[in-house]
Amino acid sequence: MSTQTLSSVASNVVGQYTQVGKLIVGTYRASAQRLVSGANTRYADFLNSSTLPLMDEAVKASLIDVQQQIAGLVEGGITTGTDRADQVIDFVAGGVNGGIQRIAATAERVATAFDTNAITAVGSLTMPAAQVSLALANRAVEGTKRLSERVIGADAPVAATTKRAVKKAVRRVKARG
């Protein structure tokens, strides 16, 4: 196992939060597209199942076609917006990681120039806080993945804490009754 430095931990934290951002954007994209698709389907079902005056099959088909074109424009906007959000996330993460690397290189040059271990000592003192920050970032990714899977509709495993909370609530309800 390699020795972690403060800059490598900081870069990992940035990477984890980048992943959180991308998961949120992907979840938004998928759920918004599902919403548009569902609205499109319900509109077509409504027109096909109802008998409205002055509406023959040609008019219904024309209305459904217009609705599909509008839905296509909305989905295109969703895709374009989320693609740009992904680009912004990558840009910001790249900038932050570049800054972390520049600061680490500068600290190394200063330590070498002054022949001191003070910067290394400060880095080792702050490592526990950095590790906690990384652990929080890892938990954020795990939670966002579960939430994303749930919103998108995939079967997400229920967290053990959620199961305990449900059991506790059931016991309370039974005790009252």
N, C-alpha and C. Protein backbone atom coordinates (compact mmCIF):
# COMPACT_ATOMS: atom_id res chain seq x y z
N MET A 1 0.85 -1.16 0.00
CA MET A 1 0.00 0.00 0.00
C MET A 1 0.90 1.23 0.00
N SER A 2 0.58 2.19 -0.84
CA SER A 2 1.40 3.40 -0.91
C SER A 2 1.01 4.37 0.20
N THR A 3 1.96 5.20 0.58
CA THR A 3 1.69 6.20 1.61
C THR A 3 0.90 7.33 0.98
N GLN A 4 -0.18 7.70 1.66
CA GLN A 4 -1.00 8.79 1.13
C GLN A 4 -0.44 10.12 1.58
N THR A 5 -0.52 11.07 0.70
CA THR A 5 -0.13 12.43 1.03
C THR A 5 -1.40 13.26 1.16
N LEU A 6 -1.23 14.42 1.72
CA LEU A 6 -2.38 15.32 1.88
C LEU A 6 -2.96 15.69 0.51
N SER A 7 -2.09 15.89 -0.46
CA SER A 7 -2.59 16.26 -1.79
C SER A 7 -3.31 15.10 -2.47
N SER A 8 -2.85 13.87 -2.25
CA SER A 8 -3.55 12.73 -2.87
C SER A 8 -4.92 12.51 -2.22
N VAL A 9 -5.00 12.71 -0.91
CA VAL A 9 -6.29 12.59 -0.23
C VAL A 9 -7.23 13.69 -0.71
N ALA A 10 -6.71 14.91 -0.82
CA ALA A 10 -7.53 16.03 -1.29
C ALA A 10 -8.02 15.78 -2.72
N SER A 11 -7.17 15.24 -3.57
CA SER A 11 -7.58 14.91 -4.95
C SER A 11 -8.65 13.82 -4.95
N ASN A 12 -8.52 12.84 -4.06
CA ASN A 12 -9.54 11.80 -3.95
C ASN A 12 -10.87 12.37 -3.50
N VAL A 13 -10.83 13.32 -2.57
CA VAL A 13 -12.07 13.96 -2.10
C VAL A 13 -12.74 14.69 -3.27
N VAL A 14 -11.94 15.42 -4.03
CA VAL A 14 -12.49 16.13 -5.19
C VAL A 14 -13.09 15.13 -6.18
N GLY A 15 -12.42 14.02 -6.38
CA GLY A 15 -12.93 12.98 -7.29
C GLY A 15 -14.26 12.41 -6.81
N GLN A 16 -14.37 12.20 -5.51
CA GLN A 16 -15.62 11.65 -4.97
C GLN A 16 -16.76 12.65 -5.15
N TYR A 17 -16.51 13.91 -4.85
CA TYR A 17 -17.58 14.90 -5.01
C TYR A 17 -17.89 15.15 -6.48
N THR A 18 -16.92 14.96 -7.35
CA THR A 18 -17.19 15.02 -8.79
C THR A 18 -18.15 13.91 -9.17
N GLN A 19 -17.92 12.73 -8.63
CA GLN A 19 -18.80 11.60 -8.90
C GLN A 19 -20.20 11.87 -8.37
N VAL A 20 -20.31 12.48 -7.20
CA VAL A 20 -21.62 12.83 -6.64
C VAL A 20 -22.34 13.77 -7.59
N GLY A 21 -21.64 14.80 -8.07
CA GLY A 21 -22.25 15.74 -8.99
C GLY A 21 -22.73 15.08 -10.27
N LYS A 22 -21.92 14.19 -10.81
CA LYS A 22 -22.30 13.50 -12.04
C LYS A 22 -23.48 12.56 -11.81
N LEU A 23 -23.52 11.92 -10.65
CA LEU A 23 -24.67 11.07 -10.33
C LEU A 23 -25.96 11.89 -10.25
N ILE A 24 -25.87 13.05 -9.62
CA ILE A 24 -27.05 13.91 -9.51
C ILE A 24 -27.51 14.38 -10.89
N VAL A 25 -26.58 14.78 -11.72
CA VAL A 25 -26.93 15.22 -13.07
C VAL A 25 -27.53 14.07 -13.87
N GLY A 26 -26.93 12.90 -13.77
CA GLY A 26 -27.45 11.73 -14.50
C GLY A 26 -28.85 11.34 -14.02
N THR A 27 -29.07 11.44 -12.73
CA THR A 27 -30.39 11.13 -12.17
C THR A 27 -31.42 12.13 -12.66
N TYR A 28 -31.05 13.41 -12.66
CA TYR A 28 -31.95 14.44 -13.19
C TYR A 28 -32.28 14.16 -14.65
N ARG A 29 -31.26 13.84 -15.44
CA ARG A 29 -31.46 13.57 -16.87
C ARG A 29 -32.43 12.41 -17.07
N ALA A 30 -32.17 11.31 -16.39
CA ALA A 30 -33.00 10.11 -16.57
C ALA A 30 -34.43 10.33 -16.09
N SER A 31 -34.59 10.98 -14.94
CA SER A 31 -35.94 11.16 -14.42
C SER A 31 -36.72 12.20 -15.23
N ALA A 32 -36.05 13.24 -15.71
CA ALA A 32 -36.74 14.24 -16.54
C ALA A 32 -37.16 13.62 -17.87
N GLN A 33 -36.30 12.81 -18.45
CA GLN A 33 -36.66 12.15 -19.71
C GLN A 33 -37.79 11.15 -19.50
N ARG A 34 -37.78 10.48 -18.36
CA ARG A 34 -38.88 9.55 -18.04
C ARG A 34 -40.18 10.33 -17.88
N LEU A 35 -40.12 11.49 -17.26
CA LEU A 35 -41.30 12.33 -17.09
C LEU A 35 -41.85 12.79 -18.44
N VAL A 36 -40.99 13.23 -19.32
CA VAL A 36 -41.42 13.69 -20.64
C VAL A 36 -42.01 12.53 -21.44
N SER A 37 -41.36 11.39 -21.37
CA SER A 37 -41.85 10.22 -22.09
C SER A 37 -43.21 9.78 -21.56
N GLY A 38 -43.36 9.79 -20.25
CA GLY A 38 -44.65 9.42 -19.64
C GLY A 38 -45.75 10.38 -20.02
N ALA A 39 -45.45 11.68 -20.03
CA ALA A 39 -46.45 12.67 -20.43
C ALA A 39 -46.83 12.48 -21.89
N ASN A 40 -45.87 12.18 -22.70
CA ASN A 40 -46.12 11.95 -24.12
C ASN A 40 -47.04 10.74 -24.31
N THR A 41 -46.77 9.68 -23.59
CA THR A 41 -47.58 8.46 -23.68
C THR A 41 -49.00 8.71 -23.17
N ARG A 42 -49.12 9.40 -22.04
CA ARG A 42 -50.45 9.67 -21.49
C ARG A 42 -51.27 10.56 -22.42
N TYR A 43 -50.62 11.52 -23.06
CA TYR A 43 -51.32 12.41 -23.99
C TYR A 43 -51.84 11.60 -25.18
N ALA A 44 -51.01 10.74 -25.72
CA ALA A 44 -51.43 9.91 -26.86
C ALA A 44 -52.56 8.97 -26.45
N ASP A 45 -52.46 8.37 -25.28
CA ASP A 45 -53.52 7.48 -24.79
C ASP A 45 -54.82 8.23 -24.61
N PHE A 46 -54.74 9.45 -24.07
CA PHE A 46 -55.94 10.25 -23.86
C PHE A 46 -56.61 10.56 -25.20
N LEU A 47 -55.82 11.00 -26.17
CA LEU A 47 -56.42 11.33 -27.47
C LEU A 47 -57.01 10.11 -28.15
N ASN A 48 -56.33 8.99 -28.06
CA ASN A 48 -56.81 7.78 -28.74
C ASN A 48 -58.02 7.16 -28.04
N SER A 49 -58.15 7.37 -26.75
CA SER A 49 -59.25 6.73 -26.03
C SER A 49 -60.50 7.60 -25.96
N SER A 50 -60.38 8.88 -26.22
CA SER A 50 -61.56 9.74 -26.09
C SER A 50 -62.19 10.03 -27.45
N THR A 51 -63.46 10.29 -27.40
CA THR A 51 -64.18 10.67 -28.62
C THR A 51 -64.57 12.13 -28.48
N LEU A 52 -63.77 12.96 -29.07
CA LEU A 52 -63.99 14.39 -29.00
C LEU A 52 -64.66 14.85 -30.30
N PRO A 53 -65.57 15.82 -30.19
CA PRO A 53 -66.23 16.30 -31.41
C PRO A 53 -65.21 16.94 -32.36
N LEU A 54 -65.46 16.77 -33.64
CA LEU A 54 -64.64 17.32 -34.72
C LEU A 54 -63.21 16.77 -34.73
N MET A 55 -63.00 15.62 -34.11
CA MET A 55 -61.67 15.02 -34.11
C MET A 55 -61.73 13.65 -34.75
N ASP A 56 -61.20 13.59 -35.96
CA ASP A 56 -61.10 12.28 -36.59
C ASP A 56 -59.68 11.76 -36.37
N GLU A 57 -59.38 10.62 -36.93
CA GLU A 57 -58.07 9.98 -36.70
C GLU A 57 -56.93 10.83 -37.24
N ALA A 58 -57.15 11.55 -38.32
CA ALA A 58 -56.09 12.38 -38.89
C ALA A 58 -55.73 13.53 -37.95
N VAL A 59 -56.74 14.15 -37.34
CA VAL A 59 -56.49 15.24 -36.40
C VAL A 59 -55.77 14.71 -35.16
N LYS A 60 -56.21 13.57 -34.67
CA LYS A 60 -55.56 12.97 -33.50
C LYS A 60 -54.09 12.65 -33.81
N ALA A 61 -53.85 12.07 -34.99
CA ALA A 61 -52.48 11.73 -35.37
C ALA A 61 -51.63 13.00 -35.48
N SER A 62 -52.21 14.06 -36.00
CA SER A 62 -51.50 15.33 -36.13
C SER A 62 -51.16 15.90 -34.75
N LEU A 63 -52.11 15.85 -33.83
CA LEU A 63 -51.88 16.35 -32.47
C LEU A 63 -50.81 15.53 -31.75
N ILE A 64 -50.86 14.22 -31.94
CA ILE A 64 -49.86 13.35 -31.33
C ILE A 64 -48.48 13.64 -31.91
N ASP A 65 -48.42 13.89 -33.22
CA ASP A 65 -47.15 14.21 -33.87
C ASP A 65 -46.57 15.52 -33.33
N VAL A 66 -47.42 16.52 -33.17
CA VAL A 66 -46.97 17.80 -32.62
C VAL A 66 -46.46 17.61 -31.19
N GLN A 67 -47.20 16.82 -30.40
CA GLN A 67 -46.77 16.54 -29.02
C GLN A 67 -45.42 15.85 -29.00
N GLN A 68 -45.20 14.91 -29.90
CA GLN A 68 -43.92 14.20 -29.95
C GLN A 68 -42.79 15.14 -30.36
N GLN A 69 -43.08 16.07 -31.24
CA GLN A 69 -42.05 17.05 -31.63
C GLN A 69 -41.70 17.95 -30.44
N ILE A 70 -42.71 18.38 -29.72
CA ILE A 70 -42.46 19.21 -28.53
C ILE A 70 -41.66 18.42 -27.50
N ALA A 71 -42.06 17.17 -27.29
CA ALA A 71 -41.34 16.32 -26.34
C ALA A 71 -39.89 16.12 -26.78
N GLY A 72 -39.67 15.98 -28.07
CA GLY A 72 -38.31 15.85 -28.58
C GLY A 72 -37.47 17.09 -28.31
N LEU A 73 -38.08 18.26 -28.46
CA LEU A 73 -37.38 19.50 -28.15
C LEU A 73 -37.04 19.59 -26.66
N VAL A 74 -38.00 19.22 -25.83
CA VAL A 74 -37.76 19.26 -24.38
C VAL A 74 -36.65 18.28 -24.00
N GLU A 75 -36.71 17.07 -24.54
CA GLU A 75 -35.66 16.09 -24.25
C GLU A 75 -34.30 16.55 -24.76
N GLY A 76 -34.29 17.20 -25.91
CA GLY A 76 -33.04 17.76 -26.43
C GLY A 76 -32.48 18.82 -25.49
N GLY A 77 -33.36 19.66 -24.96
CA GLY A 77 -32.92 20.67 -24.00
C GLY A 77 -32.39 20.05 -22.72
N ILE A 78 -33.05 19.00 -22.27
CA ILE A 78 -32.58 18.29 -21.06
C ILE A 78 -31.20 17.71 -21.31
N THR A 79 -31.03 17.06 -22.44
CA THR A 79 -29.74 16.44 -22.77
C THR A 79 -28.65 17.49 -22.90
N THR A 80 -28.94 18.58 -23.60
CA THR A 80 -27.94 19.63 -23.76
C THR A 80 -27.56 20.25 -22.42
N GLY A 81 -28.56 20.53 -21.60
CA GLY A 81 -28.30 21.12 -20.30
C GLY A 81 -27.49 20.22 -19.39
N THR A 82 -27.84 18.96 -19.37
CA THR A 82 -27.11 18.03 -18.49
C THR A 82 -25.71 17.73 -19.02
N ASP A 83 -25.55 17.72 -20.34
CA ASP A 83 -24.20 17.55 -20.89
C ASP A 83 -23.32 18.73 -20.49
N ARG A 84 -23.88 19.92 -20.54
CA ARG A 84 -23.10 21.10 -20.13
C ARG A 84 -22.81 21.08 -18.63
N ALA A 85 -23.76 20.61 -17.85
CA ALA A 85 -23.51 20.49 -16.40
C ALA A 85 -22.36 19.51 -16.14
N ASP A 86 -22.33 18.40 -16.88
CA ASP A 86 -21.22 17.45 -16.74
C ASP A 86 -19.89 18.11 -17.11
N GLN A 87 -19.91 18.93 -18.17
CA GLN A 87 -18.69 19.62 -18.58
C GLN A 87 -18.22 20.60 -17.51
N VAL A 88 -19.17 21.30 -16.90
CA VAL A 88 -18.81 22.25 -15.84
C VAL A 88 -18.22 21.50 -14.64
N ILE A 89 -18.82 20.38 -14.29
CA ILE A 89 -18.30 19.59 -13.17
C ILE A 89 -16.87 19.15 -13.46
N ASP A 90 -16.63 18.66 -14.67
CA ASP A 90 -15.27 18.24 -15.05
C ASP A 90 -14.30 19.42 -15.03
N PHE A 91 -14.75 20.58 -15.52
CA PHE A 91 -13.90 21.76 -15.56
C PHE A 91 -13.52 22.22 -14.15
N VAL A 92 -14.50 22.29 -13.28
CA VAL A 92 -14.23 22.73 -11.90
C VAL A 92 -13.33 21.73 -11.18
N ALA A 93 -13.63 20.44 -11.33
CA ALA A 93 -12.80 19.42 -10.68
C ALA A 93 -11.38 19.46 -11.20
N GLY A 94 -11.21 19.65 -12.50
CA GLY A 94 -9.86 19.75 -13.07
C GLY A 94 -9.12 20.96 -12.53
N GLY A 95 -9.82 22.08 -12.40
CA GLY A 95 -9.20 23.28 -11.84
C GLY A 95 -8.80 23.10 -10.39
N VAL A 96 -9.68 22.49 -9.62
CA VAL A 96 -9.36 22.27 -8.20
C VAL A 96 -8.19 21.29 -8.06
N ASN A 97 -8.21 20.21 -8.82
CA ASN A 97 -7.09 19.25 -8.76
C ASN A 97 -5.79 19.89 -9.21
N GLY A 98 -5.86 20.75 -10.25
CA GLY A 98 -4.66 21.46 -10.69
C GLY A 98 -4.13 22.36 -9.59
N GLY A 99 -5.03 23.04 -8.89
CA GLY A 99 -4.62 23.89 -7.77
C GLY A 99 -3.99 23.10 -6.64
N ILE A 100 -4.57 21.94 -6.35
CA ILE A 100 -4.00 21.08 -5.30
C ILE A 100 -2.58 20.65 -5.68
N GLN A 101 -2.39 20.27 -6.92
CA GLN A 101 -1.06 19.83 -7.36
C GLN A 101 -0.06 20.98 -7.34
N ARG A 102 -0.50 22.20 -7.74
CA ARG A 102 0.40 23.35 -7.71
C ARG A 102 0.81 23.69 -6.27
N ILE A 103 -0.15 23.64 -5.36
CA ILE A 103 0.16 23.94 -3.96
C ILE A 103 1.12 22.89 -3.40
N ALA A 104 0.90 21.62 -3.72
CA ALA A 104 1.78 20.56 -3.24
C ALA A 104 3.19 20.74 -3.79
N ALA A 105 3.30 21.09 -5.08
CA ALA A 105 4.62 21.30 -5.68
C ALA A 105 5.32 22.50 -5.05
N THR A 106 4.56 23.57 -4.80
CA THR A 106 5.14 24.76 -4.18
C THR A 106 5.61 24.44 -2.76
N ALA A 107 4.81 23.71 -2.01
CA ALA A 107 5.20 23.33 -0.65
C ALA A 107 6.46 22.48 -0.67
N GLU A 108 6.57 21.60 -1.63
CA GLU A 108 7.77 20.76 -1.74
C GLU A 108 9.00 21.61 -2.06
N ARG A 109 8.83 22.57 -2.98
CA ARG A 109 9.97 23.45 -3.31
C ARG A 109 10.40 24.28 -2.10
N VAL A 110 9.42 24.79 -1.34
CA VAL A 110 9.75 25.59 -0.16
C VAL A 110 10.47 24.72 0.87
N ALA A 111 9.97 23.51 1.08
CA ALA A 111 10.60 22.61 2.05
C ALA A 111 12.03 22.27 1.62
N THR A 112 12.23 22.08 0.32
CA THR A 112 13.57 21.76 -0.19
C THR A 112 14.48 22.99 -0.08
N ALA A 113 13.97 24.15 -0.42
CA ALA A 113 14.79 25.37 -0.39
C ALA A 113 15.25 25.72 1.01
N PHE A 114 14.38 25.54 1.99
CA PHE A 114 14.73 25.88 3.36
C PHE A 114 15.23 24.68 4.16
N ASP A 115 15.30 23.54 3.50
CA ASP A 115 15.77 22.30 4.13
C ASP A 115 15.07 22.08 5.47
N THR A 116 13.73 22.04 5.40
CA THR A 116 12.92 21.89 6.61
C THR A 116 11.86 20.81 6.41
N ASN A 117 11.47 20.23 7.52
CA ASN A 117 10.40 19.24 7.50
C ASN A 117 9.11 19.79 8.10
N ALA A 118 9.06 21.09 8.32
CA ALA A 118 7.89 21.69 8.97
C ALA A 118 6.62 21.48 8.15
N ILE A 119 6.72 21.63 6.83
CA ILE A 119 5.53 21.46 5.98
C ILE A 119 5.07 20.01 6.02
N THR A 120 6.01 19.09 6.01
CA THR A 120 5.66 17.66 6.10
C THR A 120 5.00 17.37 7.44
N ALA A 121 5.50 17.98 8.50
CA ALA A 121 4.92 17.77 9.83
C ALA A 121 3.50 18.30 9.89
N VAL A 122 3.29 19.48 9.33
CA VAL A 122 1.93 20.05 9.29
C VAL A 122 1.02 19.15 8.47
N GLY A 123 1.53 18.65 7.36
CA GLY A 123 0.75 17.73 6.53
C GLY A 123 0.36 16.47 7.27
N SER A 124 1.28 15.93 8.05
CA SER A 124 0.96 14.71 8.81
C SER A 124 -0.01 15.00 9.95
N LEU A 125 0.02 16.22 10.50
CA LEU A 125 -0.93 16.58 11.54
C LEU A 125 -2.34 16.78 11.00
N THR A 126 -2.44 17.22 9.77
CA THR A 126 -3.77 17.45 9.17
C THR A 126 -4.32 16.22 8.46
N MET A 127 -3.52 15.17 8.36
CA MET A 127 -3.95 13.96 7.66
C MET A 127 -5.20 13.33 8.27
N PRO A 128 -5.36 13.25 9.60
CA PRO A 128 -6.59 12.66 10.13
C PRO A 128 -7.86 13.42 9.69
N ALA A 129 -7.78 14.74 9.67
CA ALA A 129 -8.94 15.53 9.21
C ALA A 129 -9.20 15.27 7.73
N ALA A 130 -8.14 15.14 6.95
CA ALA A 130 -8.30 14.84 5.53
C ALA A 130 -8.92 13.46 5.34
N GLN A 131 -8.50 12.49 6.16
CA GLN A 131 -9.07 11.14 6.06
C GLN A 131 -10.56 11.14 6.40
N VAL A 132 -10.94 11.94 7.40
CA VAL A 132 -12.36 12.06 7.75
C VAL A 132 -13.13 12.67 6.59
N SER A 133 -12.56 13.69 5.98
CA SER A 133 -13.19 14.32 4.83
C SER A 133 -13.37 13.33 3.68
N LEU A 134 -12.37 12.50 3.46
CA LEU A 134 -12.46 11.48 2.41
C LEU A 134 -13.53 10.44 2.76
N ALA A 135 -13.60 10.06 4.02
CA ALA A 135 -14.62 9.09 4.42
C ALA A 135 -16.02 9.68 4.23
N LEU A 136 -16.20 10.95 4.55
CA LEU A 136 -17.49 11.60 4.31
C LEU A 136 -17.81 11.66 2.83
N ALA A 137 -16.82 11.94 2.02
CA ALA A 137 -17.03 11.98 0.57
C ALA A 137 -17.42 10.60 0.04
N ASN A 138 -16.78 9.56 0.57
CA ASN A 138 -17.14 8.19 0.16
C ASN A 138 -18.58 7.86 0.53
N ARG A 139 -18.98 8.27 1.73
CA ARG A 139 -20.37 8.03 2.15
C ARG A 139 -21.35 8.83 1.30
N ALA A 140 -20.95 10.03 0.91
CA ALA A 140 -21.81 10.85 0.04
C ALA A 140 -22.02 10.16 -1.30
N VAL A 141 -20.96 9.57 -1.83
CA VAL A 141 -21.08 8.85 -3.10
C VAL A 141 -22.01 7.65 -2.94
N GLU A 142 -21.82 6.88 -1.88
CA GLU A 142 -22.66 5.70 -1.65
C GLU A 142 -24.13 6.09 -1.52
N GLY A 143 -24.40 7.13 -0.72
CA GLY A 143 -25.77 7.57 -0.53
C GLY A 143 -26.38 8.11 -1.81
N THR A 144 -25.59 8.85 -2.57
CA THR A 144 -26.10 9.40 -3.83
C THR A 144 -26.37 8.29 -4.83
N LYS A 145 -25.53 7.27 -4.85
CA LYS A 145 -25.77 6.13 -5.74
C LYS A 145 -27.09 5.44 -5.39
N ARG A 146 -27.32 5.21 -4.10
CA ARG A 146 -28.57 4.56 -3.68
C ARG A 146 -29.77 5.42 -4.04
N LEU A 147 -29.68 6.71 -3.77
CA LEU A 147 -30.78 7.61 -4.09
C LEU A 147 -31.01 7.68 -5.59
N SER A 148 -29.94 7.74 -6.34
CA SER A 148 -30.04 7.79 -7.80
C SER A 148 -30.71 6.54 -8.34
N GLU A 149 -30.29 5.38 -7.86
CA GLU A 149 -30.90 4.13 -8.32
C GLU A 149 -32.38 4.09 -7.98
N ARG A 150 -32.70 4.62 -6.83
CA ARG A 150 -34.10 4.62 -6.40
C ARG A 150 -34.95 5.56 -7.25
N VAL A 151 -34.42 6.73 -7.55
CA VAL A 151 -35.16 7.70 -8.36
C VAL A 151 -35.31 7.20 -9.79
N ILE A 152 -34.25 6.64 -10.32
CA ILE A 152 -34.30 6.14 -11.70
C ILE A 152 -35.21 4.93 -11.81
N GLY A 153 -35.31 4.17 -10.73
CA GLY A 153 -36.21 3.02 -10.74
C GLY A 153 -35.53 1.69 -10.62
N ALA A 154 -34.21 1.68 -10.49
CA ALA A 154 -33.51 0.42 -10.31
C ALA A 154 -33.73 -0.05 -8.88
N ASP A 155 -33.58 -1.34 -8.68
CA ASP A 155 -33.71 -1.88 -7.33
C ASP A 155 -32.48 -1.51 -6.53
N ALA A 156 -32.68 -0.67 -5.55
CA ALA A 156 -31.57 -0.24 -4.71
C ALA A 156 -31.65 -0.97 -3.37
N PRO A 157 -30.50 -1.40 -2.86
CA PRO A 157 -30.54 -2.05 -1.55
C PRO A 157 -30.93 -1.06 -0.47
N VAL A 158 -31.74 -1.49 0.45
CA VAL A 158 -32.17 -0.63 1.54
C VAL A 158 -31.09 -0.65 2.61
N ALA A 159 -30.69 0.50 3.04
CA ALA A 159 -29.62 0.59 4.04
C ALA A 159 -30.08 -0.01 5.36
N ALA A 160 -29.13 -0.55 6.11
CA ALA A 160 -29.45 -1.18 7.39
C ALA A 160 -30.06 -0.17 8.36
N THR A 161 -29.58 1.07 8.33
CA THR A 161 -30.14 2.07 9.23
C THR A 161 -31.60 2.36 8.89
N THR A 162 -31.93 2.30 7.62
CA THR A 162 -33.33 2.51 7.21
C THR A 162 -34.19 1.37 7.74
N LYS A 163 -33.67 0.16 7.64
CA LYS A 163 -34.43 -1.00 8.14
C LYS A 163 -34.66 -0.87 9.64
N ARG A 164 -33.63 -0.45 10.37
CA ARG A 164 -33.79 -0.28 11.82
C ARG A 164 -34.81 0.80 12.13
N ALA A 165 -34.79 1.89 11.40
CA ALA A 165 -35.73 2.99 11.65
C ALA A 165 -37.16 2.53 11.38
N VAL A 166 -37.36 1.74 10.35
CA VAL A 166 -38.70 1.23 10.04
C VAL A 166 -39.17 0.30 11.14
N LYS A 167 -38.30 -0.60 11.58
CA LYS A 167 -38.67 -1.53 12.65
C LYS A 167 -39.02 -0.77 13.93
N LYS A 168 -38.26 0.25 14.24
CA LYS A 168 -38.51 1.05 15.43
C LYS A 168 -39.86 1.76 15.33
N ALA A 169 -40.17 2.30 14.16
CA ALA A 169 -41.45 2.99 13.95
C ALA A 169 -42.61 2.01 14.07
N VAL A 170 -42.43 0.80 13.55
CA VAL A 170 -43.48 -0.22 13.65
C VAL A 170 -43.71 -0.59 15.11
N ARG A 171 -42.62 -0.74 15.87
CA ARG A 171 -42.78 -1.08 17.30
C ARG A 171 -43.53 0.03 18.03
N ARG A 172 -43.23 1.29 17.71
CA ARG A 172 -43.92 2.41 18.36
C ARG A 172 -45.41 2.39 18.06
N VAL A 173 -45.73 2.15 16.79
CA VAL A 173 -47.14 2.11 16.38
C VAL A 173 -47.87 0.97 17.10
N LYS A 174 -47.22 -0.19 17.18
CA LYS A 174 -47.84 -1.32 17.86
C LYS A 174 -48.01 -1.05 19.34
N ALA A 175 -47.06 -0.36 19.95
CA ALA A 175 -47.14 -0.06 21.37
C ALA A 175 -48.29 0.91 21.66
N ARG A 176 -48.56 1.82 20.77
CA ARG A 176 -49.66 2.78 20.95
C ARG A 176 -51.00 2.10 20.78
N GLY A 177 -51.04 1.13 19.88
CA GLY A 177 -52.32 0.48 19.54
C GLY A 177 -52.71 -0.54 20.50
